[in-house]
């Protein structure tokens, strides 16, 4: 399985996109890939549709404090963010992608893996630093 986080934001060829199983752009990366300014779930859906039509079946757009939007084989899911007091967002995207892959490697569905990633990112932004802010798997039960 190939999971791509297209960071730093840049245009990607359709031939590359056709070889990706899951793409995980943030709002600005999704805008570059789709031409749609992503500001909310509605615009994220439009962007995900365009990205999917370029050849990626599974699109997960991270929306920061608005959570994440999933387009999985023509079905949308909106996973809301957990309400936390953010102090440093430095490692939020990396935490999200790493946790998503951990969930998938542990045979979770894409929806459940994204829920795990949203939770892990919520913990990360409550701490200062990059590597030092990453939560342990056992900490994920701290947020419901």
Foldseek 3Di string as FASTA:
>chain_A
DAEEECPPADEDALVVLQPHAEYEYEQVNLCRHQVFRDDAPVSVVNSVVRSVVSHHQWYWYQHVQQAIWIRHNNDIDGAHAFDDDFDAQVALVVQLVVQLVVCVVVVHDSVVSSNRSSLQSRQLRNDDDHPVSGDDSVCSVVTD
